[in-house]
Amino acid sequence: MQEHNQRNKSRQRYRLHRNRILLVMGCLLVTAAVAGGIAVFGFPAPVQAWMDIQPDRHAVSGSLHNRESREIDKDNFWVVLNQLPTIPEGSRECNIEYENPDSNHYSARVSLYLTESGQLLGSTRRVDPGNYVEVIQMNQTLEAGEYPLTVRIELFEETTPSGTMTLEMTLRITKP
């Protein structure tokens, strides 16, 4: 009888151990599936939109260039950026030198698109007035040459979208 009870306890421990392992493996499988889905399809639109309006972690308080301050009406937006960024071939750091002067009333997000294909090269997150971002990390490297870009600037009043504007400029990639 005692031997039978010990076998039952041993079986119960084995089943409990097996069930725990199966539970952990199931959780890992679900986590891997979710991570794979995000890697392939991106975050769901509401999550991505929320992430995009967070302050840019690379934004620095202050000004890139010494210039006199000017008063900006609430209906206007002053754009300060490098209109001919030049980077070496193989680099993914685009020296956009985007500044949102403290006289602006809106925060902004800057996105760079190849004009020819409409492909997104890179973007900032929200840059508040009085801050600047020197470099945008591009999603890919480009071969040497000149690339027409469409710069999309999305304006925000705090975290509420307030408007969009586009600019045309050229990205120059040089041989090292």
C-alpha atoms as a PDB file:
ATOM      1  CA  MET A   1       0.000   0.000   0.000  1.00  0.00           C
ATOM      2  CA  GLN A   2       2.776   2.393   0.945  1.00  0.00           C
ATOM      3  CA  GLU A   3       4.619   1.601  -2.291  1.00  0.00           C
ATOM      4  CA  HIS A   4       1.426   2.317  -4.248  1.00  0.00           C
ATOM      5  CA  ASN A   5       1.056   5.745  -2.523  1.00  0.00           C
ATOM      6  CA  GLN A   6       4.659   6.628  -3.334  1.00  0.00           C
ATOM      7  CA  ARG A   7       4.107   5.739  -7.012  1.00  0.00           C
ATOM      8  CA  ASN A   8       0.996   7.947  -7.070  1.00  0.00           C
ATOM      9  CA  LYS A   9       2.919  10.837  -5.508  1.00  0.00           C
ATOM     10  CA  SER A  10       5.735  10.334  -7.980  1.00  0.00           C
ATOM     11  CA  ARG A  11       3.240  10.336 -10.893  1.00  0.00           C
ATOM     12  CA  GLN A  12       1.554  13.463  -9.531  1.00  0.00           C
ATOM     13  CA  ARG A  13       4.896  15.268  -9.269  1.00  0.00           C
ATOM     14  CA  TYR A  14       5.792  14.177 -12.799  1.00  0.00           C
ATOM     15  CA  ARG A  15       2.416  15.386 -14.152  1.00  0.00           C
ATOM     16  CA  LEU A  16       2.708  18.676 -12.275  1.00  0.00           C
ATOM     17  CA  HIS A  17       6.240  19.189 -13.608  1.00  0.00           C
ATOM     18  CA  ARG A  18       5.140  18.260 -17.155  1.00  0.00           C
ATOM     19  CA  ASN A  19       2.126  20.594 -16.975  1.00  0.00           C
ATOM     20  CA  ARG A  20       4.315  23.474 -15.797  1.00  0.00           C
ATOM     21  CA  ILE A  21       6.727  22.882 -18.657  1.00  0.00           C
ATOM     22  CA  LEU A  22       3.843  22.765 -21.149  1.00  0.00           C
ATOM     23  CA  LEU A  23       2.418  25.995 -19.706  1.00  0.00           C
ATOM     24  CA  VAL A  24       5.777  27.781 -19.978  1.00  0.00           C
ATOM     25  CA  MET A  25       6.279  26.479 -23.524  1.00  0.00           C
ATOM     26  CA  GLY A  26       2.768  27.621 -24.473  1.00  0.00           C
ATOM     27  CA  CYS A  27       3.437  31.107 -23.080  1.00  0.00           C
ATOM     28  CA  LEU A  28       6.738  31.272 -24.964  1.00  0.00           C
ATOM     29  CA  LEU A  29       5.001  30.191 -28.174  1.00  0.00           C
ATOM     30  CA  VAL A  30       2.313  32.877 -27.804  1.00  0.00           C
ATOM     31  CA  THR A  31       4.975  35.512 -27.017  1.00  0.00           C
ATOM     32  CA  ALA A  32       7.002  34.481 -30.071  1.00  0.00           C
ATOM     33  CA  ALA A  33       3.889  34.620 -32.273  1.00  0.00           C
ATOM     34  CA  VAL A  34       3.014  38.132 -31.049  1.00  0.00           C
ATOM     35  CA  ALA A  35       6.617  39.322 -31.497  1.00  0.00           C
ATOM     36  CA  GLY A  36       6.701  37.808 -34.991  1.00  0.00           C
ATOM     37  CA  GLY A  37       3.430  39.506 -35.896  1.00  0.00           C
ATOM     38  CA  ILE A  38       4.750  42.868 -34.704  1.00  0.00           C
ATOM     39  CA  ALA A  39       8.006  42.349 -36.610  1.00  0.00           C
ATOM     40  CA  VAL A  40       6.163  41.524 -39.845  1.00  0.00           C
ATOM     41  CA  PHE A  41       3.110  43.778 -39.647  1.00  0.00           C
ATOM     42  CA  GLY A  42       4.193  46.475 -37.146  1.00  0.00           C
ATOM     43  CA  PHE A  43       2.281  47.650 -34.142  1.00  0.00           C
ATOM     44  CA  PRO A  44      -1.490  48.057 -34.378  1.00  0.00           C
ATOM     45  CA  ALA A  45      -2.345  51.565 -35.651  1.00  0.00           C
ATOM     46  CA  PRO A  46      -3.525  52.985 -32.286  1.00  0.00           C
ATOM     47  CA  VAL A  47      -0.363  51.763 -30.537  1.00  0.00           C
ATOM     48  CA  GLN A  48       1.902  53.093 -33.315  1.00  0.00           C
ATOM     49  CA  ALA A  49       0.086  56.453 -33.306  1.00  0.00           C
ATOM     50  CA  TRP A  50       0.527  56.710 -29.538  1.00  0.00           C
ATOM     51  CA  MET A  51       4.237  55.879 -29.830  1.00  0.00           C
ATOM     52  CA  ASP A  52       4.768  58.428 -32.612  1.00  0.00           C
ATOM     53  CA  ILE A  53       3.474  61.341 -30.543  1.00  0.00           C
ATOM     54  CA  GLN A  54       5.766  60.636 -27.623  1.00  0.00           C
ATOM     55  CA  PRO A  55       8.630  63.138 -27.221  1.00  0.00           C
ATOM     56  CA  ASP A  56      11.683  62.268 -29.317  1.00  0.00           C
ATOM     57  CA  ARG A  57      14.351  60.858 -27.003  1.00  0.00           C
ATOM     58  CA  HIS A  58      17.082  62.371 -29.207  1.00  0.00           C
ATOM     59  CA  ALA A  59      15.636  65.890 -28.967  1.00  0.00           C
ATOM     60  CA  VAL A  60      17.888  68.341 -27.175  1.00  0.00           C
ATOM     61  CA  SER A  61      16.692  71.482 -25.454  1.00  0.00           C
ATOM     62  CA  GLY A  62      18.099  74.665 -26.975  1.00  0.00           C
ATOM     63  CA  SER A  63      19.035  75.960 -30.404  1.00  0.00           C
ATOM     64  CA  LEU A  64      21.418  74.687 -33.082  1.00  0.00           C
ATOM     65  CA  HIS A  65      22.139  78.080 -34.605  1.00  0.00           C
ATOM     66  CA  ASN A  66      22.394  81.569 -33.186  1.00  0.00           C
ATOM     67  CA  ARG A  67      19.661  83.645 -34.717  1.00  0.00           C
ATOM     68  CA  GLU A  68      17.424  86.396 -33.564  1.00  0.00           C
ATOM     69  CA  SER A  69      14.111  85.250 -32.206  1.00  0.00           C
ATOM     70  CA  ARG A  70      10.943  86.240 -33.991  1.00  0.00           C
ATOM     71  CA  GLU A  71       7.323  86.312 -32.971  1.00  0.00           C
ATOM     72  CA  ILE A  72       5.244  83.625 -34.685  1.00  0.00           C
ATOM     73  CA  ASP A  73       1.458  83.919 -34.990  1.00  0.00           C
ATOM     74  CA  LYS A  74      -0.549  80.939 -33.748  1.00  0.00           C
ATOM     75  CA  ASP A  75      -1.630  80.288 -37.374  1.00  0.00           C
ATOM     76  CA  ASN A  76       1.991  80.010 -38.612  1.00  0.00           C
ATOM     77  CA  PHE A  77       4.868  77.608 -38.094  1.00  0.00           C
ATOM     78  CA  TRP A  78       8.571  78.400 -38.504  1.00  0.00           C
ATOM     79  CA  VAL A  79      10.534  75.505 -40.076  1.00  0.00           C
ATOM     80  CA  VAL A  80      14.289  75.388 -39.474  1.00  0.00           C
ATOM     81  CA  LEU A  81      16.170  72.453 -41.020  1.00  0.00           C
ATOM     82  CA  ASN A  82      19.143  71.521 -43.176  1.00  0.00           C
ATOM     83  CA  GLN A  83      17.768  71.731 -46.730  1.00  0.00           C
ATOM     84  CA  LEU A  84      20.674  69.854 -48.324  1.00  0.00           C
ATOM     85  CA  PRO A  85      21.748  67.122 -45.913  1.00  0.00           C
ATOM     86  CA  THR A  86      24.942  65.421 -47.074  1.00  0.00           C
ATOM     87  CA  ILE A  87      26.044  62.072 -45.666  1.00  0.00           C
ATOM     88  CA  PRO A  88      28.685  59.496 -46.623  1.00  0.00           C
ATOM     89  CA  GLU A  89      27.654  56.354 -48.483  1.00  0.00           C
ATOM     90  CA  GLY A  90      26.861  53.526 -46.068  1.00  0.00           C
ATOM     91  CA  SER A  91      25.744  55.848 -43.279  1.00  0.00           C
ATOM     92  CA  ARG A  92      22.233  55.684 -41.878  1.00  0.00           C
ATOM     93  CA  GLU A  93      22.526  58.963 -39.966  1.00  0.00           C
ATOM     94  CA  CYS A  94      20.912  61.798 -41.911  1.00  0.00           C
ATOM     95  CA  ASN A  95      22.051  65.197 -40.607  1.00  0.00           C
ATOM     96  CA  ILE A  96      18.634  66.845 -40.838  1.00  0.00           C
ATOM     97  CA  GLU A  97      19.428  69.455 -38.135  1.00  0.00           C
ATOM     98  CA  TYR A  98      15.722  70.050 -37.483  1.00  0.00           C
ATOM     99  CA  GLU A  99      14.951  72.735 -34.941  1.00  0.00           C
ATOM    100  CA  ASN A 100      11.565  73.676 -33.534  1.00  0.00           C
ATOM    101  CA  PRO A 101      12.165  77.255 -32.308  1.00  0.00           C
ATOM    102  CA  ASP A 102      10.668  78.148 -28.951  1.00  0.00           C
ATOM    103  CA  SER A 103       8.569  80.870 -30.625  1.00  0.00           C
ATOM    104  CA  ASN A 104       6.517  78.159 -32.410  1.00  0.00           C
ATOM    105  CA  HIS A 105       3.204  77.224 -30.816  1.00  0.00           C
ATOM    106  CA  TYR A 106       3.172  73.619 -32.052  1.00  0.00           C
ATOM    107  CA  SER A 107       5.202  70.476 -31.555  1.00  0.00           C
ATOM    108  CA  ALA A 108       6.165  68.659 -34.745  1.00  0.00           C
ATOM    109  CA  ARG A 109       7.189  65.284 -36.121  1.00  0.00           C
ATOM    110  CA  VAL A 110       9.418  65.190 -39.224  1.00  0.00           C
ATOM    111  CA  SER A 111       9.380  62.272 -41.684  1.00  0.00           C
ATOM    112  CA  LEU A 112      11.623  61.827 -44.735  1.00  0.00           C
ATOM    113  CA  TYR A 113      10.231  60.056 -47.824  1.00  0.00           C
ATOM    114  CA  LEU A 114      11.917  59.224 -51.124  1.00  0.00           C
ATOM    115  CA  THR A 115       9.908  61.337 -53.588  1.00  0.00           C
ATOM    116  CA  GLU A 116      10.190  58.755 -56.384  1.00  0.00           C
ATOM    117  CA  SER A 117       8.818  55.761 -54.478  1.00  0.00           C
ATOM    118  CA  GLY A 118       7.131  57.325 -51.445  1.00  0.00           C
ATOM    119  CA  GLN A 119       9.191  55.015 -49.223  1.00  0.00           C
ATOM    120  CA  LEU A 120       9.743  56.226 -45.648  1.00  0.00           C
ATOM    121  CA  LEU A 121      13.458  56.711 -44.951  1.00  0.00           C
ATOM    122  CA  GLY A 122      13.158  57.775 -41.329  1.00  0.00           C
ATOM    123  CA  SER A 123      11.401  60.085 -38.925  1.00  0.00           C
ATOM    124  CA  THR A 124      11.560  61.809 -35.587  1.00  0.00           C
ATOM    125  CA  ARG A 125       8.989  61.507 -32.893  1.00  0.00           C
ATOM    126  CA  ARG A 126       7.437  64.645 -31.428  1.00  0.00           C
ATOM    127  CA  VAL A 127       9.859  67.583 -31.134  1.00  0.00           C
ATOM    128  CA  ASP A 128       8.507  70.258 -28.810  1.00  0.00           C
ATOM    129  CA  PRO A 129       9.164  74.006 -29.242  1.00  0.00           C
ATOM    130  CA  GLY A 130      12.602  74.978 -27.955  1.00  0.00           C
ATOM    131  CA  ASN A 131      14.126  71.599 -28.930  1.00  0.00           C
ATOM    132  CA  TYR A 132      16.115  70.263 -31.870  1.00  0.00           C
ATOM    133  CA  VAL A 133      17.164  66.957 -33.420  1.00  0.00           C
ATOM    134  CA  GLU A 134      20.464  66.858 -35.311  1.00  0.00           C
ATOM    135  CA  VAL A 135      20.194  63.383 -36.854  1.00  0.00           C
ATOM    136  CA  ILE A 136      17.425  61.114 -38.097  1.00  0.00           C
ATOM    137  CA  GLN A 137      18.252  57.402 -38.204  1.00  0.00           C
ATOM    138  CA  MET A 138      17.327  56.166 -41.679  1.00  0.00           C
ATOM    139  CA  ASN A 139      15.749  52.752 -42.207  1.00  0.00           C
ATOM    140  CA  GLN A 140      18.265  51.877 -44.925  1.00  0.00           C
ATOM    141  CA  THR A 141      21.517  52.964 -46.528  1.00  0.00           C
ATOM    142  CA  LEU A 142      21.564  54.464 -50.017  1.00  0.00           C
ATOM    143  CA  GLU A 143      24.160  54.400 -52.788  1.00  0.00           C
ATOM    144  CA  ALA A 144      26.094  57.559 -53.676  1.00  0.00           C
ATOM    145  CA  GLY A 145      24.003  60.119 -55.548  1.00  0.00           C
ATOM    146  CA  GLU A 146      21.322  62.723 -55.044  1.00  0.00           C
ATOM    147  CA  TYR A 147      17.845  61.737 -53.914  1.00  0.00           C
ATOM    148  CA  PRO A 148      14.822  64.044 -54.018  1.00  0.00           C
ATOM    149  CA  LEU A 149      12.994  63.848 -50.703  1.00  0.00           C
ATOM    150  CA  THR A 150       9.562  64.848 -49.532  1.00  0.00           C
ATOM    151  CA  VAL A 151       9.708  66.089 -45.962  1.00  0.00           C
ATOM    152  CA  ARG A 152       6.414  65.692 -44.141  1.00  0.00           C
ATOM    153  CA  ILE A 153       5.994  67.817 -41.033  1.00  0.00           C
ATOM    154  CA  GLU A 154       3.081  66.892 -38.783  1.00  0.00           C
ATOM    155  CA  LEU A 155       2.061  69.500 -36.230  1.00  0.00           C
ATOM    156  CA  PHE A 156       0.645  68.807 -32.776  1.00  0.00           C
ATOM    157  CA  GLU A 157      -0.943  70.969 -30.137  1.00  0.00           C
ATOM    158  CA  GLU A 158       0.301  69.008 -27.138  1.00  0.00           C
ATOM    159  CA  THR A 159      -0.618  65.500 -28.393  1.00  0.00           C
ATOM    160  CA  THR A 160      -3.536  66.479 -30.663  1.00  0.00           C
ATOM    161  CA  PRO A 161      -2.825  66.550 -34.442  1.00  0.00           C
ATOM    162  CA  SER A 162      -3.123  70.135 -35.721  1.00  0.00           C
ATOM    163  CA  GLY A 163      -1.976  70.045 -39.345  1.00  0.00           C
ATOM    164  CA  THR A 164       0.514  68.791 -41.894  1.00  0.00           C
ATOM    165  CA  MET A 165       2.876  70.426 -44.361  1.00  0.00           C
ATOM    166  CA  THR A 166       5.331  69.065 -46.910  1.00  0.00           C
ATOM    167  CA  LEU A 167       8.616  70.402 -48.249  1.00  0.00           C
ATOM    168  CA  GLU A 168      10.827  69.204 -51.077  1.00  0.00           C
ATOM    169  CA  MET A 169      14.580  68.869 -50.586  1.00  0.00           C
ATOM    170  CA  THR A 170      17.542  66.818 -51.796  1.00  0.00           C
ATOM    171  CA  LEU A 171      19.564  64.242 -49.873  1.00  0.00           C
ATOM    172  CA  ARG A 172      23.149  64.009 -51.109  1.00  0.00           C
ATOM    173  CA  ILE A 173      25.052  60.754 -50.540  1.00  0.00           C
ATOM    174  CA  THR A 174      28.803  61.046 -51.133  1.00  0.00           C
ATOM    175  CA  LYS A 175      31.454  58.377 -51.625  1.00  0.00           C
ATOM    176  CA  PRO A 176      33.662  58.135 -48.517  1.00  0.00           C
END
